[in-house]
Amino acid sequence: MPRIRGASISQHHELVWSELAGAMRQLLLERDYDSITMGHLAARTGLARNTLYNYAGDKSALVVALTERLGRPAVERVAVVAARTADPAGERLREIIEVVLEAFTDPVMQLMFRPGAALPPVGEPKGPGSPFHEVVVETERVVRDGITGGEFRQVGDVQLVVELLSGVMRSGAERIGRDPAALAVTVDAAREIIIASLERGADQDRPAPA
């Protein structure tokens, strides 16, 4: 029987997932993703190959599971920020942008952008299985709050607008993947573009001239 890591079965599983994420990060520093095998991951974590297959049937399934788990803290943080309805919508949206882009400093999360990835990346956030589906839902909520409160301009389709703006977030996340040191400047640029697209102009909602 395999040795249990941790004080309980659930703790054991959490420790194994953490070790798998760490092993994937290390391997991505050493070799191309396509050359990484389940055998490499088993060796790095000290798991028997058949035990590893209990966690994921193949490497693609393992990436899906890892990104879902690694993205969970960001999703939870976004939900907390979105629920602060006493705060201005623009302030909440700026914080959400930072939380999401910060999550993509993890090289494992960057695997969402790999061609042929088994789950939709942040640029297609409404797809089934996307770990960021809830982020999109919460962002739509914040945008609607901003419109209702007069902070943001009226838009015809909030869902469509948020999905289009998610393209800005995907570009930012990819930039951070290429250069993690660019996080701060990328967050600032994404905020500028997204907020500017939603804010009311100085002449909006004024009565038409007689």
N, C-alpha and C. Protein backbone atom coordinates (compact mmCIF):
# COMPACT_ATOMS: atom_id res chain seq x y z
N MET A 1 0.85 -1.19 0.00
CA MET A 1 0.00 0.00 0.00
C MET A 1 0.89 1.24 0.00
N PRO A 2 0.61 2.24 -0.86
CA PRO A 2 1.45 3.44 -0.91
C PRO A 2 1.42 4.19 0.42
N ARG A 3 2.55 4.80 0.74
CA ARG A 3 2.65 5.57 1.98
C ARG A 3 1.82 6.85 1.87
N ILE A 4 1.02 7.11 2.90
CA ILE A 4 0.18 8.31 2.92
C ILE A 4 1.01 9.51 3.36
N ARG A 5 0.94 10.58 2.58
CA ARG A 5 1.63 11.82 2.94
C ARG A 5 0.61 12.74 3.59
N GLY A 6 0.78 13.06 4.84
CA GLY A 6 -0.18 13.90 5.53
C GLY A 6 -0.95 13.13 6.57
N ALA A 7 -1.74 13.88 7.35
CA ALA A 7 -2.45 13.28 8.47
C ALA A 7 -3.75 12.61 8.08
N SER A 8 -4.23 12.85 6.87
CA SER A 8 -5.49 12.27 6.40
C SER A 8 -5.40 12.04 4.90
N ILE A 9 -6.38 11.32 4.37
CA ILE A 9 -6.41 11.06 2.93
C ILE A 9 -6.55 12.37 2.15
N SER A 10 -7.44 13.25 2.62
CA SER A 10 -7.65 14.52 1.91
C SER A 10 -6.38 15.37 1.93
N GLN A 11 -5.70 15.40 3.07
CA GLN A 11 -4.44 16.14 3.15
C GLN A 11 -3.38 15.51 2.26
N HIS A 12 -3.39 14.19 2.21
CA HIS A 12 -2.46 13.48 1.33
C HIS A 12 -2.66 13.92 -0.12
N HIS A 13 -3.92 13.95 -0.57
CA HIS A 13 -4.20 14.34 -1.95
C HIS A 13 -3.78 15.78 -2.23
N GLU A 14 -4.02 16.67 -1.28
CA GLU A 14 -3.62 18.07 -1.47
C GLU A 14 -2.10 18.19 -1.58
N LEU A 15 -1.40 17.43 -0.76
CA LEU A 15 0.07 17.46 -0.82
C LEU A 15 0.58 16.93 -2.16
N VAL A 16 -0.05 15.87 -2.64
CA VAL A 16 0.37 15.31 -3.92
C VAL A 16 0.13 16.31 -5.05
N TRP A 17 -1.03 16.97 -5.05
CA TRP A 17 -1.31 17.97 -6.09
C TRP A 17 -0.31 19.11 -6.02
N SER A 18 0.05 19.52 -4.81
CA SER A 18 1.05 20.59 -4.65
C SER A 18 2.40 20.14 -5.21
N GLU A 19 2.76 18.90 -4.93
CA GLU A 19 4.03 18.37 -5.44
C GLU A 19 4.01 18.24 -6.97
N LEU A 20 2.87 17.87 -7.52
CA LEU A 20 2.76 17.77 -8.97
C LEU A 20 2.91 19.14 -9.63
N ALA A 21 2.30 20.16 -9.02
CA ALA A 21 2.45 21.51 -9.56
C ALA A 21 3.90 21.95 -9.50
N GLY A 22 4.57 21.68 -8.38
CA GLY A 22 5.98 22.05 -8.24
C GLY A 22 6.85 21.31 -9.23
N ALA A 23 6.55 20.03 -9.45
CA ALA A 23 7.33 19.25 -10.40
C ALA A 23 7.16 19.77 -11.82
N MET A 24 5.92 20.15 -12.17
CA MET A 24 5.68 20.69 -13.51
C MET A 24 6.43 22.01 -13.70
N ARG A 25 6.42 22.86 -12.69
CA ARG A 25 7.16 24.13 -12.79
C ARG A 25 8.64 23.88 -13.04
N GLN A 26 9.22 22.96 -12.28
CA GLN A 26 10.65 22.65 -12.43
C GLN A 26 10.95 22.10 -13.82
N LEU A 27 10.11 21.19 -14.28
CA LEU A 27 10.34 20.59 -15.59
C LEU A 27 10.21 21.60 -16.72
N LEU A 28 9.30 22.57 -16.56
CA LEU A 28 9.12 23.59 -17.59
C LEU A 28 10.35 24.50 -17.68
N LEU A 29 11.12 24.60 -16.60
CA LEU A 29 12.37 25.37 -16.64
C LEU A 29 13.47 24.61 -17.38
N GLU A 30 13.31 23.31 -17.45
CA GLU A 30 14.38 22.45 -17.97
C GLU A 30 14.15 21.97 -19.40
N ARG A 31 12.89 21.89 -19.80
CA ARG A 31 12.61 21.30 -21.11
C ARG A 31 11.31 21.84 -21.68
N ASP A 32 11.11 21.60 -22.96
CA ASP A 32 9.87 21.99 -23.63
C ASP A 32 8.71 21.16 -23.10
N TYR A 33 7.53 21.79 -23.03
CA TYR A 33 6.36 21.09 -22.50
C TYR A 33 6.10 19.77 -23.21
N ASP A 34 6.21 19.78 -24.54
CA ASP A 34 5.88 18.58 -25.30
C ASP A 34 6.79 17.40 -24.96
N SER A 35 7.98 17.68 -24.47
CA SER A 35 8.90 16.58 -24.14
C SER A 35 8.71 16.07 -22.71
N ILE A 36 7.87 16.73 -21.93
CA ILE A 36 7.61 16.28 -20.56
C ILE A 36 6.65 15.10 -20.60
N THR A 37 6.97 14.06 -19.86
CA THR A 37 6.12 12.87 -19.83
C THR A 37 5.58 12.64 -18.42
N MET A 38 4.59 11.77 -18.34
CA MET A 38 4.06 11.39 -17.03
C MET A 38 5.16 10.70 -16.22
N GLY A 39 6.07 10.02 -16.90
CA GLY A 39 7.18 9.39 -16.21
C GLY A 39 8.07 10.41 -15.53
N HIS A 40 8.33 11.54 -16.21
CA HIS A 40 9.12 12.61 -15.59
C HIS A 40 8.44 13.11 -14.32
N LEU A 41 7.13 13.32 -14.40
CA LEU A 41 6.39 13.84 -13.24
C LEU A 41 6.37 12.83 -12.10
N ALA A 42 6.21 11.56 -12.44
CA ALA A 42 6.22 10.52 -11.41
C ALA A 42 7.57 10.49 -10.71
N ALA A 43 8.64 10.58 -11.49
CA ALA A 43 9.98 10.54 -10.90
C ALA A 43 10.23 11.73 -10.00
N ARG A 44 9.79 12.91 -10.43
CA ARG A 44 10.04 14.12 -9.63
C ARG A 44 9.26 14.12 -8.32
N THR A 45 8.10 13.52 -8.32
CA THR A 45 7.27 13.52 -7.12
C THR A 45 7.46 12.27 -6.27
N GLY A 46 8.19 11.29 -6.80
CA GLY A 46 8.38 10.05 -6.07
C GLY A 46 7.16 9.16 -6.08
N LEU A 47 6.25 9.40 -7.03
CA LEU A 47 5.04 8.59 -7.13
C LEU A 47 5.29 7.42 -8.08
N ALA A 48 4.66 6.30 -7.80
CA ALA A 48 4.67 5.21 -8.76
C ALA A 48 3.84 5.63 -9.96
N ARG A 49 4.23 5.17 -11.15
CA ARG A 49 3.53 5.58 -12.36
C ARG A 49 2.03 5.26 -12.29
N ASN A 50 1.68 4.07 -11.79
CA ASN A 50 0.26 3.70 -11.72
C ASN A 50 -0.49 4.57 -10.72
N THR A 51 0.21 5.04 -9.67
CA THR A 51 -0.42 5.96 -8.71
C THR A 51 -0.70 7.30 -9.36
N LEU A 52 0.24 7.79 -10.16
CA LEU A 52 0.04 9.07 -10.85
C LEU A 52 -1.19 9.02 -11.75
N TYR A 53 -1.41 7.88 -12.41
CA TYR A 53 -2.57 7.77 -13.30
C TYR A 53 -3.88 7.74 -12.53
N ASN A 54 -3.83 7.57 -11.23
CA ASN A 54 -5.05 7.72 -10.43
C ASN A 54 -5.46 9.20 -10.31
N TYR A 55 -4.49 10.09 -10.50
CA TYR A 55 -4.78 11.53 -10.41
C TYR A 55 -5.17 12.12 -11.77
N ALA A 56 -4.63 11.59 -12.84
CA ALA A 56 -4.97 12.07 -14.18
C ALA A 56 -4.63 10.98 -15.19
N GLY A 57 -5.50 10.80 -16.17
CA GLY A 57 -5.30 9.75 -17.14
C GLY A 57 -4.18 10.00 -18.11
N ASP A 58 -3.85 11.28 -18.33
CA ASP A 58 -2.74 11.63 -19.22
C ASP A 58 -2.26 13.03 -18.87
N LYS A 59 -1.26 13.50 -19.60
CA LYS A 59 -0.65 14.79 -19.28
C LYS A 59 -1.64 15.94 -19.48
N SER A 60 -2.44 15.88 -20.54
CA SER A 60 -3.41 16.95 -20.79
C SER A 60 -4.43 17.04 -19.66
N ALA A 61 -4.92 15.90 -19.21
CA ALA A 61 -5.88 15.89 -18.10
C ALA A 61 -5.23 16.42 -16.83
N LEU A 62 -3.95 16.13 -16.65
CA LEU A 62 -3.24 16.63 -15.48
C LEU A 62 -3.14 18.15 -15.53
N VAL A 63 -2.86 18.71 -16.71
CA VAL A 63 -2.77 20.17 -16.85
C VAL A 63 -4.12 20.82 -16.54
N VAL A 64 -5.20 20.22 -17.03
CA VAL A 64 -6.53 20.75 -16.73
C VAL A 64 -6.76 20.79 -15.23
N ALA A 65 -6.47 19.69 -14.56
CA ALA A 65 -6.68 19.61 -13.12
C ALA A 65 -5.80 20.59 -12.36
N LEU A 66 -4.55 20.73 -12.78
CA LEU A 66 -3.63 21.65 -12.10
C LEU A 66 -4.07 23.10 -12.27
N THR A 67 -4.47 23.49 -13.49
CA THR A 67 -4.87 24.88 -13.70
C THR A 67 -6.16 25.19 -12.94
N GLU A 68 -7.05 24.23 -12.86
CA GLU A 68 -8.27 24.45 -12.08
C GLU A 68 -7.93 24.68 -10.61
N ARG A 69 -7.02 23.88 -10.08
CA ARG A 69 -6.66 24.00 -8.67
C ARG A 69 -5.85 25.28 -8.42
N LEU A 70 -4.89 25.55 -9.29
CA LEU A 70 -4.06 26.74 -9.10
C LEU A 70 -4.84 28.02 -9.33
N GLY A 71 -5.87 27.96 -10.16
CA GLY A 71 -6.68 29.15 -10.41
C GLY A 71 -7.71 29.42 -9.34
N ARG A 72 -7.97 28.43 -8.50
CA ARG A 72 -9.03 28.56 -7.49
C ARG A 72 -8.83 29.73 -6.53
N PRO A 73 -7.63 29.96 -5.98
CA PRO A 73 -7.47 31.11 -5.08
C PRO A 73 -7.80 32.44 -5.76
N ALA A 74 -7.41 32.59 -7.02
CA ALA A 74 -7.72 33.83 -7.74
C ALA A 74 -9.22 33.97 -7.93
N VAL A 75 -9.89 32.88 -8.27
CA VAL A 75 -11.34 32.92 -8.45
C VAL A 75 -12.02 33.32 -7.14
N GLU A 76 -11.56 32.76 -6.04
CA GLU A 76 -12.15 33.08 -4.74
C GLU A 76 -11.90 34.54 -4.37
N ARG A 77 -10.70 35.04 -4.64
CA ARG A 77 -10.39 36.45 -4.36
C ARG A 77 -11.27 37.38 -5.19
N VAL A 78 -11.48 37.03 -6.45
CA VAL A 78 -12.33 37.85 -7.32
C VAL A 78 -13.76 37.90 -6.77
N ALA A 79 -14.27 36.78 -6.31
CA ALA A 79 -15.62 36.75 -5.76
C ALA A 79 -15.75 37.67 -4.54
N VAL A 80 -14.72 37.69 -3.71
CA VAL A 80 -14.74 38.57 -2.53
C VAL A 80 -14.72 40.03 -2.96
N VAL A 81 -13.87 40.36 -3.93
CA VAL A 81 -13.79 41.74 -4.41
C VAL A 81 -15.10 42.17 -5.03
N ALA A 82 -15.67 41.33 -5.88
CA ALA A 82 -16.92 41.67 -6.56
C ALA A 82 -18.06 41.90 -5.58
N ALA A 83 -18.04 41.20 -4.44
CA ALA A 83 -19.11 41.30 -3.45
C ALA A 83 -19.05 42.59 -2.63
N ARG A 84 -17.96 43.37 -2.77
CA ARG A 84 -17.85 44.61 -2.00
C ARG A 84 -18.64 45.72 -2.69
N THR A 85 -19.95 45.58 -2.66
CA THR A 85 -20.81 46.48 -3.42
C THR A 85 -20.80 47.92 -2.91
N ALA A 86 -20.29 48.14 -1.71
CA ALA A 86 -20.19 49.51 -1.21
C ALA A 86 -19.04 50.27 -1.87
N ASP A 87 -18.10 49.54 -2.49
CA ASP A 87 -16.96 50.17 -3.16
C ASP A 87 -17.32 50.50 -4.60
N PRO A 88 -16.71 51.54 -5.17
CA PRO A 88 -16.98 51.89 -6.57
C PRO A 88 -16.67 50.72 -7.49
N ALA A 89 -17.45 50.58 -8.55
CA ALA A 89 -17.25 49.48 -9.49
C ALA A 89 -15.88 49.56 -10.15
N GLY A 90 -15.43 50.76 -10.47
CA GLY A 90 -14.12 50.92 -11.10
C GLY A 90 -13.00 50.43 -10.21
N GLU A 91 -13.10 50.70 -8.92
CA GLU A 91 -12.08 50.25 -7.97
C GLU A 91 -12.05 48.74 -7.90
N ARG A 92 -13.23 48.12 -7.86
CA ARG A 92 -13.31 46.66 -7.80
C ARG A 92 -12.76 46.04 -9.08
N LEU A 93 -13.09 46.65 -10.22
CA LEU A 93 -12.63 46.09 -11.49
C LEU A 93 -11.11 46.19 -11.61
N ARG A 94 -10.54 47.28 -11.15
CA ARG A 94 -9.07 47.41 -11.17
C ARG A 94 -8.41 46.32 -10.33
N GLU A 95 -9.01 46.01 -9.19
CA GLU A 95 -8.44 44.98 -8.32
C GLU A 95 -8.58 43.60 -8.96
N ILE A 96 -9.72 43.35 -9.61
CA ILE A 96 -9.92 42.06 -10.28
C ILE A 96 -8.88 41.86 -11.37
N ILE A 97 -8.60 42.90 -12.13
CA ILE A 97 -7.60 42.82 -13.20
C ILE A 97 -6.26 42.39 -12.62
N GLU A 98 -5.87 42.99 -11.51
CA GLU A 98 -4.58 42.65 -10.90
C GLU A 98 -4.57 41.21 -10.39
N VAL A 99 -5.65 40.79 -9.74
CA VAL A 99 -5.72 39.43 -9.19
C VAL A 99 -5.57 38.40 -10.31
N VAL A 100 -6.29 38.60 -11.41
CA VAL A 100 -6.26 37.61 -12.50
C VAL A 100 -4.89 37.58 -13.18
N LEU A 101 -4.34 38.74 -13.49
CA LEU A 101 -3.05 38.76 -14.17
C LEU A 101 -1.93 38.22 -13.27
N GLU A 102 -2.03 38.48 -11.98
CA GLU A 102 -1.04 37.96 -11.04
C GLU A 102 -1.02 36.43 -11.06
N ALA A 103 -2.20 35.82 -11.25
CA ALA A 103 -2.28 34.35 -11.29
C ALA A 103 -1.46 33.78 -12.42
N PHE A 104 -1.29 34.54 -13.49
CA PHE A 104 -0.58 34.03 -14.66
C PHE A 104 0.92 34.22 -14.58
N THR A 105 1.43 34.63 -13.44
CA THR A 105 2.88 34.59 -13.24
C THR A 105 3.33 33.16 -12.98
N ASP A 106 2.38 32.26 -12.72
CA ASP A 106 2.70 30.84 -12.51
C ASP A 106 2.85 30.18 -13.89
N PRO A 107 4.01 29.59 -14.18
CA PRO A 107 4.21 28.98 -15.51
C PRO A 107 3.24 27.85 -15.80
N VAL A 108 2.72 27.18 -14.78
CA VAL A 108 1.74 26.13 -15.03
C VAL A 108 0.45 26.73 -15.58
N MET A 109 0.04 27.88 -15.06
CA MET A 109 -1.15 28.55 -15.57
C MET A 109 -0.97 28.97 -17.02
N GLN A 110 0.26 29.27 -17.41
CA GLN A 110 0.52 29.66 -18.79
C GLN A 110 0.24 28.53 -19.78
N LEU A 111 0.16 27.30 -19.30
CA LEU A 111 -0.13 26.17 -20.18
C LEU A 111 -1.53 26.27 -20.77
N MET A 112 -2.39 27.13 -20.21
CA MET A 112 -3.71 27.35 -20.78
C MET A 112 -3.63 27.92 -22.19
N PHE A 113 -2.52 28.58 -22.50
CA PHE A 113 -2.38 29.21 -23.81
C PHE A 113 -1.69 28.31 -24.83
N ARG A 114 -1.31 27.13 -24.40
CA ARG A 114 -0.62 26.21 -25.31
C ARG A 114 -1.55 25.79 -26.44
N PRO A 115 -1.09 25.84 -27.70
CA PRO A 115 -1.92 25.38 -28.81
C PRO A 115 -2.41 23.96 -28.58
N GLY A 116 -3.71 23.77 -28.76
CA GLY A 116 -4.27 22.45 -28.56
C GLY A 116 -4.53 22.12 -27.11
N ALA A 117 -4.46 23.13 -26.22
CA ALA A 117 -4.72 22.88 -24.80
C ALA A 117 -6.11 22.28 -24.63
N ALA A 118 -6.26 21.47 -23.60
CA ALA A 118 -7.51 20.74 -23.41
C ALA A 118 -8.59 21.57 -22.75
N LEU A 119 -8.31 22.82 -22.40
CA LEU A 119 -9.34 23.67 -21.81
C LEU A 119 -9.22 25.06 -22.40
N PRO A 120 -10.32 25.83 -22.42
CA PRO A 120 -10.28 27.13 -23.05
C PRO A 120 -9.45 28.10 -22.23
N PRO A 121 -8.59 28.90 -22.86
CA PRO A 121 -7.81 29.89 -22.13
C PRO A 121 -8.67 31.06 -21.71
N VAL A 122 -8.05 32.01 -21.01
CA VAL A 122 -8.79 33.13 -20.46
C VAL A 122 -9.44 33.97 -21.55
N GLY A 123 -8.95 33.90 -22.78
CA GLY A 123 -9.57 34.63 -23.87
C GLY A 123 -10.89 34.04 -24.31
N GLU A 124 -11.18 32.79 -23.92
CA GLU A 124 -12.46 32.15 -24.20
C GLU A 124 -13.02 31.65 -22.87
N PRO A 125 -13.32 32.57 -21.95
CA PRO A 125 -13.57 32.19 -20.56
C PRO A 125 -14.91 31.54 -20.29
N LYS A 126 -15.85 31.57 -21.25
CA LYS A 126 -17.16 31.02 -20.97
C LYS A 126 -17.26 29.55 -21.35
N GLY A 127 -16.20 29.00 -21.92
CA GLY A 127 -16.22 27.61 -22.37
C GLY A 127 -16.34 26.65 -21.21
N PRO A 128 -16.90 25.47 -21.46
CA PRO A 128 -17.03 24.48 -20.38
C PRO A 128 -15.67 24.07 -19.84
N GLY A 129 -15.59 24.00 -18.54
CA GLY A 129 -14.36 23.56 -17.91
C GLY A 129 -13.34 24.65 -17.65
N SER A 130 -13.63 25.87 -18.09
CA SER A 130 -12.66 26.94 -17.85
C SER A 130 -12.62 27.29 -16.38
N PRO A 131 -11.43 27.31 -15.77
CA PRO A 131 -11.36 27.67 -14.35
C PRO A 131 -11.71 29.13 -14.11
N PHE A 132 -11.78 29.93 -15.17
CA PHE A 132 -12.07 31.34 -15.00
C PHE A 132 -13.49 31.72 -15.38
N HIS A 133 -14.35 30.74 -15.56
CA HIS A 133 -15.76 31.04 -15.85
C HIS A 133 -16.37 31.92 -14.76
N GLU A 134 -16.11 31.57 -13.49
CA GLU A 134 -16.68 32.34 -12.39
C GLU A 134 -16.13 33.76 -12.36
N VAL A 135 -14.90 33.95 -12.80
CA VAL A 135 -14.33 35.30 -12.86
C VAL A 135 -15.12 36.16 -13.83
N VAL A 136 -15.48 35.59 -14.97
CA VAL A 136 -16.26 36.32 -15.96
C VAL A 136 -17.62 36.69 -15.40
N VAL A 137 -18.26 35.75 -14.73
CA VAL A 137 -19.58 36.00 -14.14
C VAL A 137 -19.50 37.14 -13.12
N GLU A 138 -18.48 37.11 -12.26
CA GLU A 138 -18.33 38.16 -11.25
C GLU A 138 -17.98 39.51 -11.90
N THR A 139 -17.19 39.47 -12.97
CA THR A 139 -16.85 40.71 -13.65
C THR A 139 -18.08 41.33 -14.29
N GLU A 140 -18.92 40.50 -14.88
CA GLU A 140 -20.18 41.01 -15.44
C GLU A 140 -21.01 41.69 -14.35
N ARG A 141 -21.01 41.09 -13.19
CA ARG A 141 -21.75 41.66 -12.05
C ARG A 141 -21.22 43.05 -11.69
N VAL A 142 -19.90 43.20 -11.66
CA VAL A 142 -19.30 44.49 -11.32
C VAL A 142 -19.61 45.53 -12.40
N VAL A 143 -19.54 45.12 -13.66
CA VAL A 143 -19.84 46.04 -14.76
C VAL A 143 -21.30 46.50 -14.68
N ARG A 144 -22.20 45.58 -14.40
CA ARG A 144 -23.62 45.95 -14.26
C ARG A 144 -23.81 46.91 -13.09
N ASP A 145 -23.10 46.68 -11.98
CA ASP A 145 -23.18 47.60 -10.84
C ASP A 145 -22.73 49.00 -11.27
N GLY A 146 -21.64 49.06 -12.06
CA GLY A 146 -21.13 50.34 -12.50
C GLY A 146 -22.10 51.06 -13.42
N ILE A 147 -22.80 50.32 -14.26
CA ILE A 147 -23.79 50.92 -15.15
C ILE A 147 -24.98 51.43 -14.35
N THR A 148 -25.47 50.59 -13.44
CA THR A 148 -26.62 50.97 -12.62
C THR A 148 -26.32 52.21 -11.78
N GLY A 149 -25.09 52.28 -11.26
CA GLY A 149 -24.71 53.41 -10.42
C GLY A 149 -24.29 54.64 -11.20
N GLY A 150 -24.29 54.57 -12.53
CA GLY A 150 -23.92 55.73 -13.35
C GLY A 150 -22.43 55.93 -13.48
N GLU A 151 -21.65 54.98 -12.98
CA GLU A 151 -20.20 55.10 -13.06
C GLU A 151 -19.68 54.69 -14.45
N PHE A 152 -20.35 53.70 -15.05
CA PHE A 152 -20.00 53.23 -16.39
C PHE A 152 -21.11 53.61 -17.36
N ARG A 153 -20.75 53.71 -18.63
CA ARG A 153 -21.73 54.04 -19.66
C ARG A 153 -22.65 52.85 -19.92
N GLN A 154 -23.78 53.12 -20.53
CA GLN A 154 -24.68 52.05 -20.92
C GLN A 154 -24.06 51.27 -22.09
N VAL A 155 -24.15 49.96 -22.04
CA VAL A 155 -23.68 49.11 -23.14
C VAL A 155 -24.83 48.20 -23.54
N GLY A 156 -24.84 47.80 -24.79
CA GLY A 156 -25.96 46.99 -25.27
C GLY A 156 -25.99 45.58 -24.71
N ASP A 157 -24.83 44.98 -24.55
CA ASP A 157 -24.74 43.57 -24.14
C ASP A 157 -23.54 43.42 -23.20
N VAL A 158 -23.81 43.40 -21.91
CA VAL A 158 -22.73 43.33 -20.92
C VAL A 158 -21.90 42.07 -21.09
N GLN A 159 -22.56 40.95 -21.32
CA GLN A 159 -21.83 39.69 -21.47
C GLN A 159 -20.86 39.77 -22.64
N LEU A 160 -21.32 40.30 -23.77
CA LEU A 160 -20.46 40.41 -24.94
C LEU A 160 -19.29 41.36 -24.67
N VAL A 161 -19.56 42.49 -24.04
CA VAL A 161 -18.51 43.45 -23.74
C VAL A 161 -17.43 42.83 -22.86
N VAL A 162 -17.84 42.10 -21.83
CA VAL A 162 -16.87 41.48 -20.93
C VAL A 162 -16.07 40.40 -21.66
N GLU A 163 -16.72 39.65 -22.53
CA GLU A 163 -15.99 38.63 -23.29
C GLU A 163 -14.97 39.27 -24.24
N LEU A 164 -15.35 40.40 -24.85
CA LEU A 164 -14.40 41.09 -25.72
C LEU A 164 -13.23 41.65 -24.91
N LEU A 165 -13.52 42.21 -23.75
CA LEU A 165 -12.45 42.76 -22.91
C LEU A 165 -11.55 41.66 -22.36
N SER A 166 -12.07 40.43 -22.29
CA SER A 166 -11.22 39.34 -21.81
C SER A 166 -10.06 39.09 -22.78
N GLY A 167 -10.21 39.55 -24.03
CA GLY A 167 -9.09 39.46 -24.97
C GLY A 167 -7.92 40.31 -24.53
N VAL A 168 -8.22 41.46 -23.92
CA VAL A 168 -7.16 42.31 -23.36
C VAL A 168 -6.44 41.56 -22.25
N MET A 169 -7.21 40.88 -21.42
CA MET A 169 -6.63 40.13 -20.30
C MET A 169 -5.78 38.97 -20.80
N ARG A 170 -6.23 38.31 -21.86
CA ARG A 170 -5.43 37.22 -22.40
C ARG A 170 -4.09 37.75 -22.93
N SER A 171 -4.14 38.86 -23.65
CA SER A 171 -2.89 39.44 -24.17
C SER A 171 -1.96 39.81 -23.03
N GLY A 172 -2.54 40.38 -21.96
CA GLY A 172 -1.72 40.73 -20.79
C GLY A 172 -1.12 39.51 -20.14
N ALA A 173 -1.93 38.44 -20.00
CA ALA A 173 -1.43 37.22 -19.37
C ALA A 173 -0.31 36.59 -20.20
N GLU A 174 -0.45 36.61 -21.52
CA GLU A 174 0.60 36.06 -22.38
C GLU A 174 1.88 36.89 -22.27
N ARG A 175 1.73 38.21 -22.17
CA ARG A 175 2.90 39.08 -22.01
C ARG A 175 3.64 38.75 -20.71
N ILE A 176 2.89 38.53 -19.65
CA ILE A 176 3.50 38.19 -18.36
C ILE A 176 4.21 36.85 -18.45
N GLY A 177 3.64 35.92 -19.24
CA GLY A 177 4.29 34.63 -19.42
C GLY A 177 5.65 34.77 -20.08
N ARG A 178 5.74 35.71 -21.03
CA ARG A 178 7.02 35.93 -21.70
C ARG A 178 7.99 36.70 -20.81
N ASP A 179 7.45 37.57 -19.95
CA ASP A 179 8.29 38.42 -19.11
C ASP A 179 7.60 38.67 -17.77
N PRO A 180 7.77 37.78 -16.80
CA PRO A 180 7.09 37.94 -15.50
C PRO A 180 7.38 39.28 -14.83
N ALA A 181 8.54 39.89 -15.12
CA ALA A 181 8.88 41.18 -14.52
C ALA A 181 7.98 42.29 -15.03
N ALA A 182 7.24 42.03 -16.10
CA ALA A 182 6.35 43.05 -16.69
C ALA A 182 4.98 43.07 -16.02
N LEU A 183 4.80 42.37 -14.90
CA LEU A 183 3.48 42.30 -14.27
C LEU A 183 2.91 43.68 -13.98
N ALA A 184 3.65 44.53 -13.30
CA ALA A 184 3.11 45.83 -12.87
C ALA A 184 2.71 46.70 -14.06
N VAL A 185 3.59 46.79 -15.05
CA VAL A 185 3.28 47.64 -16.21
C VAL A 185 2.13 47.05 -17.02
N THR A 186 2.02 45.73 -17.06
CA THR A 186 0.93 45.09 -17.79
C THR A 186 -0.40 45.30 -17.08
N VAL A 187 -0.40 45.20 -15.77
CA VAL A 187 -1.62 45.48 -14.99
C VAL A 187 -2.08 46.91 -15.24
N ASP A 188 -1.15 47.86 -15.20
CA ASP A 188 -1.51 49.27 -15.43
C ASP A 188 -2.11 49.46 -16.82
N ALA A 189 -1.50 48.85 -17.83
CA ALA A 189 -1.98 49.01 -19.20
C ALA A 189 -3.36 48.37 -19.37
N ALA A 190 -3.56 47.18 -18.79
CA ALA A 190 -4.86 46.52 -18.90
C ALA A 190 -5.94 47.33 -18.20
N ARG A 191 -5.62 47.88 -17.05
CA ARG A 191 -6.59 48.73 -16.34
C ARG A 191 -6.97 49.94 -17.19
N GLU A 192 -5.96 50.58 -17.77
CA GLU A 192 -6.21 51.78 -18.56
C GLU A 192 -7.15 51.49 -19.73
N ILE A 193 -6.89 50.41 -20.44
CA ILE A 193 -7.70 50.07 -21.61
C ILE A 193 -9.12 49.68 -21.20
N ILE A 194 -9.24 48.80 -20.20
CA ILE A 194 -10.54 48.28 -19.81
C ILE A 194 -11.41 49.35 -19.18
N ILE A 195 -10.85 50.11 -18.25
CA ILE A 195 -11.65 51.14 -17.58
C ILE A 195 -12.06 52.23 -18.58
N ALA A 196 -11.14 52.63 -19.46
CA ALA A 196 -11.46 53.67 -20.44
C ALA A 196 -12.59 53.24 -21.36
N SER A 197 -12.67 51.94 -21.65
CA SER A 197 -13.73 51.45 -22.55
C SER A 197 -15.10 51.46 -21.88
N LEU A 198 -15.13 51.52 -20.55
CA LEU A 198 -16.39 51.45 -19.81
C LEU A 198 -16.84 52.79 -19.23
N GLU A 199 -15.90 53.69 -18.98
CA GLU A 199 -16.24 54.96 -18.33
C GLU A 199 -17.13 55.82 -19.21
N ARG A 200 -17.96 56.59 -18.59
CA ARG A 200 -18.80 57.53 -19.32
C ARG A 200 -17.97 58.72 -19.79
N GLY A 201 -18.18 59.14 -21.03
CA GLY A 201 -17.49 60.32 -21.54
C GLY A 201 -18.08 61.58 -20.94
N ALA A 202 -17.34 62.68 -21.06
CA ALA A 202 -17.78 63.94 -20.47
C ALA A 202 -19.10 64.43 -21.05
N ASP A 203 -19.38 64.06 -22.33
CA ASP A 203 -20.60 64.55 -22.96
C ASP A 203 -21.71 63.52 -22.98
N GLN A 204 -21.50 62.37 -22.36
CA GLN A 204 -22.52 61.34 -22.38
C GLN A 204 -23.65 61.67 -21.41
N ASP A 205 -24.84 61.25 -21.79
CA ASP A 205 -26.05 61.42 -20.98
C ASP A 205 -26.46 62.87 -20.81
N ARG A 206 -25.84 63.79 -21.57
CA ARG A 206 -26.33 65.17 -21.54
C ARG A 206 -27.56 65.29 -22.42
N PRO A 207 -28.47 66.20 -22.07
CA PRO A 207 -29.64 66.38 -22.92
C PRO A 207 -29.23 66.85 -24.30
N ALA A 208 -29.92 66.41 -25.33
CA ALA A 208 -29.62 66.86 -26.69
C ALA A 208 -29.95 68.34 -26.82
N PRO A 209 -29.16 69.09 -27.60
CA PRO A 209 -29.43 70.52 -27.77
C PRO A 209 -30.78 70.75 -28.42
N ALA A 210 -31.45 71.85 -28.02
CA ALA A 210 -32.79 72.17 -28.54
C ALA A 210 -32.70 72.56 -30.01
